Amino acid sequence: MSDKTLVLRDADYVIQEATTIKENHSVLIKGHRVLDVAPYEELKANYTIDEERDCTGQAILPGLVNTHTHIHETMMRGLGHDFPFHQWCDRLVFPAAEAMEEEGDELYYALAQLAAMENAA
């Protein structure tokens, strides 16, 4: 990815974590990294900006890529791709989810977290 700076500007909300929600802020990105979160005018004054995207009327969740996941499916990555959807669910997804519930969730959560961290790099 390029080292150009991109600003996602003027979002109605930038949600950094559950308790940090900033209104009318912008997000500055360079390469794969979020460099700063601040009002647009502040970013413009402190950084060279190569590209801008207007995010008025939108919410930004920097760093949060996968906002919807099925943790048990992490364990089945690469399995059953030759099945039609309903067979895939009946033969793999539902039995695996049931077995994982019986075994406890801690291992599956840890594996899903490792997979998410690996993909975030």
Protein backbone atom coordinates (compact mmCIF):
# COMPACT_ATOMS: atom_id res chain seq x y z
CA MET A 1 0.00 0.00 0.00
CA SER A 2 1.11 3.53 -0.70
CA ASP A 3 2.55 5.87 1.91
CA LYS A 4 0.20 8.62 0.78
CA THR A 5 -1.97 10.20 3.41
CA LEU A 6 -5.73 9.87 3.17
CA VAL A 7 -8.15 11.82 5.30
CA LEU A 8 -11.68 10.57 5.84
CA ARG A 9 -13.11 13.97 6.60
CA ASP A 10 -16.02 15.41 8.50
CA ALA A 11 -17.68 12.20 9.69
CA ASP A 12 -20.67 12.76 11.93
CA TYR A 13 -19.16 10.25 14.38
CA VAL A 14 -15.76 8.60 14.84
CA ILE A 15 -16.16 5.66 17.20
CA GLN A 16 -12.76 4.81 18.65
CA GLU A 17 -14.01 2.47 21.36
CA ALA A 18 -17.23 1.91 23.23
CA THR A 19 -16.76 4.97 25.44
CA THR A 20 -14.95 7.29 22.99
CA ILE A 21 -17.27 8.69 20.35
CA LYS A 22 -16.16 11.92 18.70
CA GLU A 23 -18.58 14.07 16.74
CA ASN A 24 -17.63 15.94 13.55
CA HIS A 25 -14.13 14.46 13.39
CA SER A 26 -11.85 13.18 10.65
CA VAL A 27 -9.44 10.24 10.44
CA LEU A 28 -5.96 10.53 8.94
CA ILE A 29 -4.52 7.33 7.44
CA LYS A 30 -1.04 6.67 6.05
CA GLY A 31 -0.46 3.30 4.46
CA HIS A 32 -2.13 0.76 6.77
CA ARG A 33 -2.04 2.96 9.87
CA VAL A 34 -4.40 5.44 11.45
CA LEU A 35 -2.15 8.40 12.31
CA ASP A 36 -4.59 10.76 13.95
CA VAL A 37 -8.22 11.48 14.74
CA ALA A 38 -9.14 15.15 15.00
CA PRO A 39 -11.30 17.84 13.45
CA TYR A 40 -10.48 18.28 9.76
CA GLU A 41 -9.04 21.79 10.11
CA GLU A 42 -6.58 20.53 12.74
CA LEU A 43 -5.42 17.67 10.51
CA LYS A 44 -5.11 20.02 7.54
CA ALA A 45 -2.94 22.41 9.58
CA ASN A 46 -0.62 19.69 10.91
CA TYR A 47 -0.22 17.22 8.02
CA THR A 48 0.28 17.07 4.28
CA ILE A 49 -2.87 15.43 2.92
CA ASP A 50 -2.65 13.61 -0.41
CA GLU A 51 -6.26 12.48 -0.75
CA GLU A 52 -9.59 13.28 0.89
CA ARG A 53 -12.94 11.55 1.08
CA ASP A 54 -16.00 13.35 2.38
CA CYS A 55 -17.69 11.29 5.10
CA THR A 56 -20.44 13.74 6.02
CA GLY A 57 -23.47 11.83 7.29
CA GLN A 58 -21.41 8.73 8.11
CA ALA A 59 -19.83 7.04 11.12
CA ILE A 60 -16.25 5.75 11.03
CA LEU A 61 -14.91 2.90 13.14
CA PRO A 62 -11.13 3.14 12.61
CA GLY A 63 -9.27 -0.13 12.93
CA LEU A 64 -12.43 -2.18 13.22
CA VAL A 65 -12.55 -4.17 10.03
CA ASN A 66 -14.78 -7.14 10.71
CA THR A 67 -17.87 -5.88 12.47
CA HIS A 68 -19.78 -9.14 12.01
CA THR A 69 -18.26 -12.56 12.55
CA HIS A 70 -19.24 -16.10 13.39
CA ILE A 71 -16.44 -17.30 15.64
CA HIS A 72 -17.09 -21.01 15.15
CA GLU A 73 -16.67 -20.59 11.39
CA THR A 74 -13.04 -19.57 11.92
CA MET A 75 -12.39 -23.22 12.71
CA MET A 76 -13.91 -24.31 9.39
CA ARG A 77 -12.02 -21.96 7.10
CA GLY A 78 -11.34 -23.80 3.85
CA LEU A 79 -13.78 -26.65 4.52
CA GLY A 80 -16.90 -27.47 2.55
CA HIS A 81 -16.47 -24.95 -0.25
CA ASP A 82 -17.74 -27.57 -2.67
CA PHE A 83 -21.08 -27.89 -0.82
CA PRO A 84 -24.16 -25.87 -1.74
CA PHE A 85 -24.97 -23.39 1.03
CA HIS A 86 -27.66 -25.42 2.82
CA GLN A 87 -25.56 -28.59 2.78
CA TRP A 88 -22.60 -26.59 4.10
CA CYS A 89 -24.76 -25.36 6.97
CA ASP A 90 -26.30 -28.77 7.72
CA ARG A 91 -23.11 -30.82 7.38
CA LEU A 92 -20.52 -28.44 8.85
CA VAL A 93 -21.70 -25.20 10.42
CA PHE A 94 -24.53 -26.41 12.64
CA PRO A 95 -22.80 -29.58 13.93
CA ALA A 96 -19.57 -27.67 14.56
CA ALA A 97 -21.36 -24.87 16.42
CA GLU A 98 -23.17 -27.42 18.58
CA ALA A 99 -19.94 -29.30 19.37
CA MET A 100 -18.17 -26.07 20.25
CA GLU A 101 -20.93 -25.07 22.64
CA GLU A 102 -20.48 -28.39 24.44
CA GLU A 103 -16.69 -27.98 24.67
CA GLY A 104 -16.66 -24.38 25.87
CA ASP A 105 -16.00 -21.20 23.98
CA GLU A 106 -12.65 -20.03 25.38
CA LEU A 107 -10.47 -21.88 22.86
CA TYR A 108 -12.57 -20.75 19.90
CA TYR A 109 -12.56 -17.12 21.05
CA ALA A 110 -8.77 -17.23 21.42
CA LEU A 111 -8.34 -18.73 17.95
CA ALA A 112 -10.68 -16.17 16.41
CA GLN A 113 -8.75 -13.35 18.11
CA LEU A 114 -5.47 -14.71 16.73
CA ALA A 115 -6.97 -14.90 13.24
CA ALA A 116 -8.24 -11.32 13.53
CA MET A 117 -4.84 -10.06 14.70
CA GLU A 118 -3.10 -11.91 11.88
CA ASN A 119 -5.40 -10.31 9.29
CA ALA A 120 -5.05 -6.83 10.80
CA ALA A 121 -1.31 -6.63 10.23
